[in-house]
């Protein structure tokens, strides 16, 4: 299965020997360039561990060596401490 726009991948040596140090990569698009069977060109952004883009890159990798990156689930949000119980969305007090 081909990566899709927005996918975050972990790219390691299994995808290409150039990635002896693994990177996180957010896909912009799969390029339709001629290549060898099982290999693809990807256009996207290298990410830091916070998920921020650090470099735009075009990489040549083996499709089978790519791994979907799953970040930990975000912590649940707490209700805002500025909200007041007993008030409606319009700001009027309940009767």
PDB file of N, CA and C in Angstrom:
ATOM      1  N   UNK A   1       0.842  -1.186   0.000  1.00  0.00           N
ATOM      2  CA  UNK A   1       0.000   0.000   0.000  1.00  0.00           C
ATOM      3  C   UNK A   1       0.889   1.253   0.000  1.00  0.00           C
ATOM      4  N   UNK A   2       0.564   2.203  -0.830  1.00  0.00           N
ATOM      5  CA  UNK A   2       1.341   3.439  -0.918  1.00  0.00           C
ATOM      6  C   UNK A   2       0.999   4.390   0.223  1.00  0.00           C
ATOM      7  N   UNK A   3       1.984   5.138   0.706  1.00  0.00           N
ATOM      8  CA  UNK A   3       1.685   6.172   1.697  1.00  0.00           C
ATOM      9  C   UNK A   3       0.760   7.222   1.081  1.00  0.00           C
ATOM     10  N   UNK A   4       0.052   7.930   1.934  1.00  0.00           N
ATOM     11  CA  UNK A   4      -0.853   8.985   1.468  1.00  0.00           C
ATOM     12  C   UNK A   4      -0.447  10.324   2.063  1.00  0.00           C
ATOM     13  N   UNK A   5      -0.913  11.373   1.464  1.00  0.00           N
ATOM     14  CA  UNK A   5      -0.640  12.720   1.949  1.00  0.00           C
ATOM     15  C   UNK A   5      -1.053  12.827   3.413  1.00  0.00           C
ATOM     16  N   UNK A   6      -0.150  13.351   4.246  1.00  0.00           N
ATOM     17  CA  UNK A   6      -0.420  13.507   5.669  1.00  0.00           C
ATOM     18  C   UNK A   6       0.089  12.372   6.530  1.00  0.00           C
ATOM     19  N   UNK A   7       0.390  11.211   5.928  1.00  0.00           N
ATOM     20  CA  UNK A   7       0.932  10.097   6.704  1.00  0.00           C
ATOM     21  C   UNK A   7       2.262  10.489   7.332  1.00  0.00           C
ATOM     22  N   UNK A   8       2.496  10.046   8.562  1.00  0.00           N
ATOM     23  CA  UNK A   8       3.789  10.230   9.212  1.00  0.00           C
ATOM     24  C   UNK A   8       4.445   8.852   9.266  1.00  0.00           C
ATOM     25  N   UNK A   9       5.633   8.776   8.691  1.00  0.00           N
ATOM     26  CA  UNK A   9       6.351   7.513   8.570  1.00  0.00           C
ATOM     27  C   UNK A   9       7.636   7.547   9.372  1.00  0.00           C
ATOM     28  N   UNK A  10       8.014   6.385   9.864  1.00  0.00           N
ATOM     29  CA  UNK A  10       9.350   6.227  10.431  1.00  0.00           C
ATOM     30  C   UNK A  10      10.185   5.613   9.315  1.00  0.00           C
ATOM     31  N   UNK A  11      11.220   6.333   8.904  1.00  0.00           N
ATOM     32  CA  UNK A  11      12.074   5.887   7.801  1.00  0.00           C
ATOM     33  C   UNK A  11      13.407   5.439   8.396  1.00  0.00           C
ATOM     34  N   UNK A  12      13.718   4.163   8.202  1.00  0.00           N
ATOM     35  CA  UNK A  12      14.922   3.581   8.778  1.00  0.00           C
ATOM     36  C   UNK A  12      15.771   2.953   7.682  1.00  0.00           C
ATOM     37  N   UNK A  13      16.834   2.310   8.102  1.00  0.00           N
ATOM     38  CA  UNK A  13      17.729   1.606   7.191  1.00  0.00           C
ATOM     39  C   UNK A  13      16.987   0.547   6.365  1.00  0.00           C
ATOM     40  N   UNK A  14      15.868   0.022   6.881  1.00  0.00           N
ATOM     41  CA  UNK A  14      15.072  -0.966   6.146  1.00  0.00           C
ATOM     42  C   UNK A  14      14.497  -0.359   4.857  1.00  0.00           C
ATOM     43  N   UNK A  15      14.314   0.962   4.841  1.00  0.00           N
ATOM     44  CA  UNK A  15      13.791   1.638   3.653  1.00  0.00           C
ATOM     45  C   UNK A  15      14.910   2.029   2.693  1.00  0.00           C
ATOM     46  N   UNK A  16      16.076   2.361   3.222  1.00  0.00           N
ATOM     47  CA  UNK A  16      17.232   2.729   2.403  1.00  0.00           C
ATOM     48  C   UNK A  16      18.457   2.864   3.305  1.00  0.00           C
ATOM     49  N   UNK A  17      19.616   2.463   2.786  1.00  0.00           N
ATOM     50  CA  UNK A  17      20.836   2.514   3.592  1.00  0.00           C
ATOM     51  C   UNK A  17      21.209   3.930   4.017  1.00  0.00           C
ATOM     52  N   UNK A  18      20.689   4.939   3.331  1.00  0.00           N
ATOM     53  CA  UNK A  18      21.010   6.317   3.706  1.00  0.00           C
ATOM     54  C   UNK A  18      20.411   6.710   5.058  1.00  0.00           C
ATOM     55  N   UNK A  19      19.461   5.912   5.573  1.00  0.00           N
ATOM     56  CA  UNK A  19      18.804   6.238   6.832  1.00  0.00           C
ATOM     57  C   UNK A  19      19.312   5.360   7.967  1.00  0.00           C
ATOM     58  N   UNK A  20      20.634   5.366   8.165  1.00  0.00           N
ATOM     59  CA  UNK A  20      21.214   4.625   9.287  1.00  0.00           C
ATOM     60  C   UNK A  20      20.741   5.248  10.600  1.00  0.00           C
ATOM     61  N   UNK A  21      20.467   6.547  10.581  1.00  0.00           N
ATOM     62  CA  UNK A  21      19.810   7.242  11.690  1.00  0.00           C
ATOM     63  C   UNK A  21      18.357   7.438  11.272  1.00  0.00           C
ATOM     64  N   UNK A  22      17.406   6.801  11.954  1.00  0.00           N
ATOM     65  CA  UNK A  22      15.999   6.908  11.552  1.00  0.00           C
ATOM     66  C   UNK A  22      15.492   8.349  11.601  1.00  0.00           C
ATOM     67  N   UNK A  23      14.533   8.639  10.736  1.00  0.00           N
ATOM     68  CA  UNK A  23      13.873   9.946  10.734  1.00  0.00           C
ATOM     69  C   UNK A  23      12.364   9.745  10.728  1.00  0.00           C
ATOM     70  N   UNK A  24      11.659  10.785  11.160  1.00  0.00           N
ATOM     71  CA  UNK A  24      10.213  10.854  10.990  1.00  0.00           C
ATOM     72  C   UNK A  24       9.957  11.716   9.768  1.00  0.00           C
ATOM     73  N   UNK A  25       8.987  11.307   8.954  1.00  0.00           N
ATOM     74  CA  UNK A  25       8.752  11.959   7.673  1.00  0.00           C
ATOM     75  C   UNK A  25       7.253  12.094   7.430  1.00  0.00           C
ATOM     76  N   UNK A  26       6.776  13.345   7.207  1.00  0.00           N
ATOM     77  CA  UNK A  26       5.370  13.580   6.872  1.00  0.00           C
ATOM     78  C   UNK A  26       5.252  13.697   5.356  1.00  0.00           C
ATOM     79  N   UNK A  27       4.444  12.843   4.780  1.00  0.00           N
ATOM     80  CA  UNK A  27       4.298  12.768   3.325  1.00  0.00           C
ATOM     81  C   UNK A  27       3.439  13.917   2.806  1.00  0.00           C
ATOM     82  N   UNK A  28       3.962  14.597   1.783  1.00  0.00           N
ATOM     83  CA  UNK A  28       3.159  15.556   1.027  1.00  0.00           C
ATOM     84  C   UNK A  28       2.509  14.819  -0.131  1.00  0.00           C
ATOM     85  N   UNK A  29       3.342  14.059  -0.854  1.00  0.00           N
ATOM     86  CA  UNK A  29       2.824  13.299  -1.994  1.00  0.00           C
ATOM     87  C   UNK A  29       3.822  12.229  -2.403  1.00  0.00           C
ATOM     88  N   UNK A  30       3.299  11.234  -3.091  1.00  0.00           N
ATOM     89  CA  UNK A  30       4.131  10.212  -3.714  1.00  0.00           C
ATOM     90  C   UNK A  30       4.369  10.698  -5.135  1.00  0.00           C
ATOM     91  N   UNK A  31       5.638  10.834  -5.503  1.00  0.00           N
ATOM     92  CA  UNK A  31       5.974  11.342  -6.825  1.00  0.00           C
ATOM     93  C   UNK A  31       5.846  10.233  -7.874  1.00  0.00           C
ATOM     94  N   UNK A  32       5.377  10.603  -9.033  1.00  0.00           N
ATOM     95  CA  UNK A  32       5.183   9.650 -10.121  1.00  0.00           C
ATOM     96  C   UNK A  32       6.407   9.662 -11.036  1.00  0.00           C
ATOM     97  N   UNK A  33       7.565   9.373 -10.453  1.00  0.00           N
ATOM     98  CA  UNK A  33       8.806   9.337 -11.206  1.00  0.00           C
ATOM     99  C   UNK A  33       9.160   7.881 -11.497  1.00  0.00           C
ATOM    100  N   UNK A  34       9.775   7.606 -12.647  1.00  0.00           N
ATOM    101  CA  UNK A  34      10.166   6.220 -12.950  1.00  0.00           C
ATOM    102  C   UNK A  34      11.177   5.721 -11.912  1.00  0.00           C
ATOM    103  N   UNK A  35      11.037   4.456 -11.555  1.00  0.00           N
ATOM    104  CA  UNK A  35      11.909   3.889 -10.534  1.00  0.00           C
ATOM    105  C   UNK A  35      11.951   2.370 -10.656  1.00  0.00           C
ATOM    106  N   UNK A  36      12.684   1.734  -9.789  1.00  0.00           N
ATOM    107  CA  UNK A  36      12.759   0.279  -9.745  1.00  0.00           C
ATOM    108  C   UNK A  36      11.527  -0.283  -9.034  1.00  0.00           C
ATOM    109  N   UNK A  37      11.208  -1.535  -9.319  1.00  0.00           N
ATOM    110  CA  UNK A  37      10.080  -2.196  -8.678  1.00  0.00           C
ATOM    111  C   UNK A  37      10.276  -2.220  -7.156  1.00  0.00           C
ATOM    112  N   UNK A  38       9.265  -1.766  -6.425  1.00  0.00           N
ATOM    113  CA  UNK A  38       9.321  -1.766  -4.964  1.00  0.00           C
ATOM    114  C   UNK A  38       9.891  -0.492  -4.363  1.00  0.00           C
ATOM    115  N   UNK A  39      10.378   0.408  -5.188  1.00  0.00           N
ATOM    116  CA  UNK A  39      10.948   1.670  -4.718  1.00  0.00           C
ATOM    117  C   UNK A  39      10.018   2.817  -5.098  1.00  0.00           C
ATOM    118  N   UNK A  40      10.004   3.876  -4.267  1.00  0.00           N
ATOM    119  CA  UNK A  40       9.173   5.053  -4.546  1.00  0.00           C
ATOM    120  C   UNK A  40       9.921   6.329  -4.149  1.00  0.00           C
ATOM    121  N   UNK A  41       9.531   7.410  -4.789  1.00  0.00           N
ATOM    122  CA  UNK A  41       9.999   8.748  -4.424  1.00  0.00           C
ATOM    123  C   UNK A  41       8.900   9.403  -3.602  1.00  0.00           C
ATOM    124  N   UNK A  42       9.283   9.977  -2.455  1.00  0.00           N
ATOM    125  CA  UNK A  42       8.338  10.685  -1.597  1.00  0.00           C
ATOM    126  C   UNK A  42       8.778  12.129  -1.415  1.00  0.00           C
ATOM    127  N   UNK A  43       7.824  13.018  -1.482  1.00  0.00           N
ATOM    128  CA  UNK A  43       8.051  14.435  -1.221  1.00  0.00           C
ATOM    129  C   UNK A  43       7.403  14.731   0.127  1.00  0.00           C
ATOM    130  N   UNK A  44       8.112  15.418   1.019  1.00  0.00           N
ATOM    131  CA  UNK A  44       7.527  15.699   2.326  1.00  0.00           C
ATOM    132  C   UNK A  44       8.465  16.446   3.238  1.00  0.00           C
ATOM    133  N   UNK A  45       8.203  16.345   4.524  1.00  0.00           N
ATOM    134  CA  UNK A  45       8.955  17.065   5.542  1.00  0.00           C
ATOM    135  C   UNK A  45       9.560  16.105   6.551  1.00  0.00           C
ATOM    136  N   UNK A  46      10.821  16.323   6.872  1.00  0.00           N
ATOM    137  CA  UNK A  46      11.436  15.631   7.995  1.00  0.00           C
ATOM    138  C   UNK A  46      10.940  16.321   9.263  1.00  0.00           C
ATOM    139  N   UNK A  47      10.585  15.523  10.263  1.00  0.00           N
ATOM    140  CA  UNK A  47      10.027  16.056  11.506  1.00  0.00           C
ATOM    141  C   UNK A  47      10.969  15.814  12.671  1.00  0.00           C
ATOM    142  N   UNK A  48      10.919  16.716  13.672  1.00  0.00           N
ATOM    143  CA  UNK A  48      11.635  16.443  14.918  1.00  0.00           C
ATOM    144  C   UNK A  48      10.705  15.648  15.824  1.00  0.00           C
ATOM    145  N   UNK A  49      11.148  15.279  17.009  1.00  0.00           N
ATOM    146  CA  UNK A  49      10.342  14.427  17.890  1.00  0.00           C
ATOM    147  C   UNK A  49       9.088  15.130  18.410  1.00  0.00           C
ATOM    148  N   UNK A  50       9.038  16.441  18.293  1.00  0.00           N
ATOM    149  CA  UNK A  50       7.832  17.185  18.680  1.00  0.00           C
ATOM    150  C   UNK A  50       6.805  17.220  17.558  1.00  0.00           C
ATOM    151  N   UNK A  51       7.209  16.727  16.386  1.00  0.00           N
ATOM    152  CA  UNK A  51       6.303  16.727  15.236  1.00  0.00           C
ATOM    153  C   UNK A  51       6.390  17.976  14.378  1.00  0.00           C
ATOM    154  N   UNK A  52       7.380  18.843  14.660  1.00  0.00           N
ATOM    155  CA  UNK A  52       7.561  20.063  13.870  1.00  0.00           C
ATOM    156  C   UNK A  52       8.429  19.772  12.651  1.00  0.00           C
ATOM    157  N   UNK A  53       8.054  20.341  11.520  1.00  0.00           N
ATOM    158  CA  UNK A  53       8.834  20.157  10.295  1.00  0.00           C
ATOM    159  C   UNK A  53      10.163  20.890  10.430  1.00  0.00           C
ATOM    160  N   UNK A  54      11.256  20.194  10.086  1.00  0.00           N
ATOM    161  CA  UNK A  54      12.576  20.816  10.152  1.00  0.00           C
ATOM    162  C   UNK A  54      13.183  21.018   8.771  1.00  0.00           C
ATOM    163  N   UNK A  55      12.882  20.127   7.824  1.00  0.00           N
ATOM    164  CA  UNK A  55      13.418  20.232   6.461  1.00  0.00           C
ATOM    165  C   UNK A  55      12.426  19.647   5.477  1.00  0.00           C
ATOM    166  N   UNK A  56      12.308  20.295   4.317  1.00  0.00           N
ATOM    167  CA  UNK A  56      11.550  19.678   3.230  1.00  0.00           C
ATOM    168  C   UNK A  56      12.517  18.798   2.455  1.00  0.00           C
ATOM    169  N   UNK A  57      12.082  17.566   2.146  1.00  0.00           N
ATOM    170  CA  UNK A  57      12.959  16.606   1.479  1.00  0.00           C
ATOM    171  C   UNK A  57      12.196  15.798   0.448  1.00  0.00           C
ATOM    172  N   UNK A  58      12.945  15.300  -0.514  1.00  0.00           N
ATOM    173  CA  UNK A  58      12.471  14.299  -1.454  1.00  0.00           C
ATOM    174  C   UNK A  58      13.358  13.091  -1.230  1.00  0.00           C
ATOM    175  N   UNK A  59      12.720  11.951  -0.890  1.00  0.00           N
ATOM    176  CA  UNK A  59      13.503  10.760  -0.561  1.00  0.00           C
ATOM    177  C   UNK A  59      13.128   9.592  -1.473  1.00  0.00           C
ATOM    178  N   UNK A  60      14.100   8.719  -1.705  1.00  0.00           N
ATOM    179  CA  UNK A  60      13.954   7.527  -2.537  1.00  0.00           C
ATOM    180  C   UNK A  60      14.074   6.322  -1.627  1.00  0.00           C
ATOM    181  N   UNK A  61      12.979   5.571  -1.468  1.00  0.00           N
ATOM    182  CA  UNK A  61      12.940   4.509  -0.461  1.00  0.00           C
ATOM    183  C   UNK A  61      12.238   3.257  -0.975  1.00  0.00           C
ATOM    184  N   UNK A  62      12.516   2.149  -0.301  1.00  0.00           N
ATOM    185  CA  UNK A  62      11.785   0.916  -0.566  1.00  0.00           C
ATOM    186  C   UNK A  62      10.456   0.971   0.192  1.00  0.00           C
ATOM    187  N   UNK A  63       9.393   0.778  -0.529  1.00  0.00           N
ATOM    188  CA  UNK A  63       8.054   0.860   0.054  1.00  0.00           C
ATOM    189  C   UNK A  63       7.898  -0.102   1.233  1.00  0.00           C
ATOM    190  N   UNK A  64       8.417  -1.310   1.119  1.00  0.00           N
ATOM    191  CA  UNK A  64       8.265  -2.320   2.176  1.00  0.00           C
ATOM    192  C   UNK A  64       9.029  -1.974   3.454  1.00  0.00           C
ATOM    193  N   UNK A  65      10.001  -1.067   3.369  1.00  0.00           N
ATOM    194  CA  UNK A  65      10.783  -0.708   4.549  1.00  0.00           C
ATOM    195  C   UNK A  65      10.191   0.422   5.360  1.00  0.00           C
ATOM    196  N   UNK A  66       9.104   1.021   4.890  1.00  0.00           N
ATOM    197  CA  UNK A  66       8.477   2.143   5.593  1.00  0.00           C
ATOM    198  C   UNK A  66       7.564   1.641   6.694  1.00  0.00           C
ATOM    199  N   UNK A  67       7.526   2.366   7.808  1.00  0.00           N
ATOM    200  CA  UNK A  67       6.662   2.019   8.928  1.00  0.00           C
ATOM    201  C   UNK A  67       5.817   3.230   9.303  1.00  0.00           C
ATOM    202  N   UNK A  68       4.531   2.989   9.490  1.00  0.00           N
ATOM    203  CA  UNK A  68       3.629   4.053   9.941  1.00  0.00           C
ATOM    204  C   UNK A  68       4.030   4.442  11.357  1.00  0.00           C
ATOM    205  N   UNK A  69       4.145   5.736  11.625  1.00  0.00           N
ATOM    206  CA  UNK A  69       4.514   6.194  12.960  1.00  0.00           C
ATOM    207  C   UNK A  69       3.249   6.448  13.753  1.00  0.00           C
ATOM    208  N   UNK A  70       3.189   5.896  14.936  1.00  0.00           N
ATOM    209  CA  UNK A  70       2.049   6.115  15.816  1.00  0.00           C
ATOM    210  C   UNK A  70       2.550   6.822  17.063  1.00  0.00           C
ATOM    211  N   UNK A  71       2.106   8.054  17.231  1.00  0.00           N
ATOM    212  CA  UNK A  71       2.512   8.795  18.421  1.00  0.00           C
ATOM    213  C   UNK A  71       1.590   8.421  19.576  1.00  0.00           C
ATOM    214  N   UNK A  72       2.043   8.625  20.811  1.00  0.00           N
ATOM    215  CA  UNK A  72       1.175   8.319  21.942  1.00  0.00           C
ATOM    216  C   UNK A  72      -0.077   9.182  21.900  1.00  0.00           C
ATOM    217  N   UNK A  73      -1.174   8.650  22.407  1.00  0.00           N
ATOM    218  CA  UNK A  73      -2.433   9.406  22.436  1.00  0.00           C
ATOM    219  C   UNK A  73      -2.262  10.639  23.314  1.00  0.00           C
ATOM    220  N   UNK A  74      -2.817  11.774  22.878  1.00  0.00           N
ATOM    221  CA  UNK A  74      -2.703  12.983  23.695  1.00  0.00           C
ATOM    222  C   UNK A  74      -3.480  12.818  25.004  1.00  0.00           C
ATOM    223  N   UNK A  75      -3.010  13.512  26.027  1.00  0.00           N
ATOM    224  CA  UNK A  75      -3.689  13.470  27.321  1.00  0.00           C
ATOM    225  C   UNK A  75      -5.069  14.108  27.175  1.00  0.00           C
ATOM    226  N   UNK A  76      -6.080  13.595  27.887  1.00  0.00           N
ATOM    227  CA  UNK A  76      -7.414  14.195  27.787  1.00  0.00           C
ATOM    228  C   UNK A  76      -7.390  15.614  28.323  1.00  0.00           C
ATOM    229  N   UNK A  77      -8.173  16.458  27.706  1.00  0.00           N
ATOM    230  CA  UNK A  77      -8.243  17.861  28.139  1.00  0.00           C
ATOM    231  C   UNK A  77      -9.140  17.989  29.356  1.00  0.00           C
ATOM    232  N   UNK A  78      -8.757  18.889  30.220  1.00  0.00           N
ATOM    233  CA  UNK A  78      -9.567  19.172  31.407  1.00  0.00           C
ATOM    234  C   UNK A  78     -10.496  20.321  31.080  1.00  0.00           C
ATOM    235  N   UNK A  79     -11.664  20.347  31.726  1.00  0.00           N
ATOM    236  CA  UNK A  79     -12.550  21.498  31.494  1.00  0.00           C
ATOM    237  C   UNK A  79     -11.840  22.784  31.887  1.00  0.00           C
ATOM    238  N   UNK A  80     -12.117  23.821  31.159  1.00  0.00           N
ATOM    239  CA  UNK A  80     -11.485  25.106  31.434  1.00  0.00           C
ATOM    240  C   UNK A  80     -11.820  25.566  32.845  1.00  0.00           C
ATOM    241  N   UNK A  81     -10.816  26.044  33.543  1.00  0.00           N
ATOM    242  CA  UNK A  81     -11.050  26.495  34.907  1.00  0.00           C
ATOM    243  C   UNK A  81     -11.751  27.843  34.937  1.00  0.00           C
ATOM    244  N   UNK A  82     -11.857  28.489  33.769  1.00  0.00           N
ATOM    245  CA  UNK A  82     -12.548  29.773  33.720  1.00  0.00           C
ATOM    246  C   UNK A  82     -14.033  29.604  33.460  1.00  0.00           C
ATOM    247  N   UNK A  83     -14.473  28.392  33.103  1.00  0.00           N
ATOM    248  CA  UNK A  83     -15.901  28.196  32.853  1.00  0.00           C
ATOM    249  C   UNK A  83     -16.640  28.166  34.187  1.00  0.00           C
ATOM    250  N   UNK A  84     -17.841  28.685  34.167  1.00  0.00           N
ATOM    251  CA  UNK A  84     -18.632  28.734  35.392  1.00  0.00           C
ATOM    252  C   UNK A  84     -19.845  27.821  35.245  1.00  0.00           C
ATOM    253  N   UNK A  85     -20.009  26.883  36.160  1.00  0.00           N
ATOM    254  CA  UNK A  85     -21.221  26.065  36.103  1.00  0.00           C
ATOM    255  C   UNK A  85     -22.448  26.927  36.346  1.00  0.00           C
ATOM    256  N   UNK A  86     -23.561  26.545  35.752  1.00  0.00           N
ATOM    257  CA  UNK A  86     -24.801  27.278  35.973  1.00  0.00           C
ATOM    258  C   UNK A  86     -25.018  28.380  34.955  1.00  0.00           C
ATOM    259  N   UNK A  87     -24.140  28.522  33.986  1.00  0.00           N
ATOM    260  CA  UNK A  87     -24.312  29.543  32.952  1.00  0.00           C
ATOM    261  C   UNK A  87     -24.574  28.855  31.625  1.00  0.00           C
ATOM    262  N   UNK A  88     -25.410  29.474  30.833  1.00  0.00           N
ATOM    263  CA  UNK A  88     -25.679  28.976  29.498  1.00  0.00           C
ATOM    264  C   UNK A  88     -24.652  29.552  28.546  1.00  0.00           C
ATOM    265  N   UNK A  89     -24.641  29.046  27.337  1.00  0.00           N
ATOM    266  CA  UNK A  89     -23.695  29.520  26.327  1.00  0.00           C
ATOM    267  C   UNK A  89     -23.874  30.997  26.042  1.00  0.00           C
ATOM    268  N   UNK A  90     -25.085  31.557  26.288  1.00  0.00           N
ATOM    269  CA  UNK A  90     -25.322  32.968  26.029  1.00  0.00           C
ATOM    270  C   UNK A  90     -24.806  33.841  27.157  1.00  0.00           C
ATOM    271  N   UNK A  91     -24.386  33.221  28.254  1.00  0.00           N
ATOM    272  CA  UNK A  91     -23.859  33.990  29.368  1.00  0.00           C
ATOM    273  C   UNK A  91     -24.924  34.337  30.396  1.00  0.00           C
ATOM    274  N   UNK A  92     -26.187  33.941  30.145  1.00  0.00           N
ATOM    275  CA  UNK A  92     -27.258  34.228  31.100  1.00  0.00           C
ATOM    276  C   UNK A  92     -27.283  33.146  32.166  1.00  0.00           C
ATOM    277  N   UNK A  93     -27.596  33.530  33.373  1.00  0.00           N
ATOM    278  CA  UNK A  93     -27.702  32.567  34.458  1.00  0.00           C
ATOM    279  C   UNK A  93     -28.966  31.731  34.281  1.00  0.00           C
ATOM    280  N   UNK A  94     -28.885  30.474  34.723  1.00  0.00           N
ATOM    281  CA  UNK A  94     -30.072  29.604  34.675  1.00  0.00           C
ATOM    282  C   UNK A  94     -31.086  30.056  35.695  1.00  0.00           C
ATOM    283  N   UNK A  95     -32.355  29.862  35.367  1.00  0.00           N
ATOM    284  CA  UNK A  95     -33.438  30.240  36.275  1.00  0.00           C
ATOM    285  C   UNK A  95     -34.010  29.005  36.892  1.00  0.00           C
TER     286      UNK A  95
END
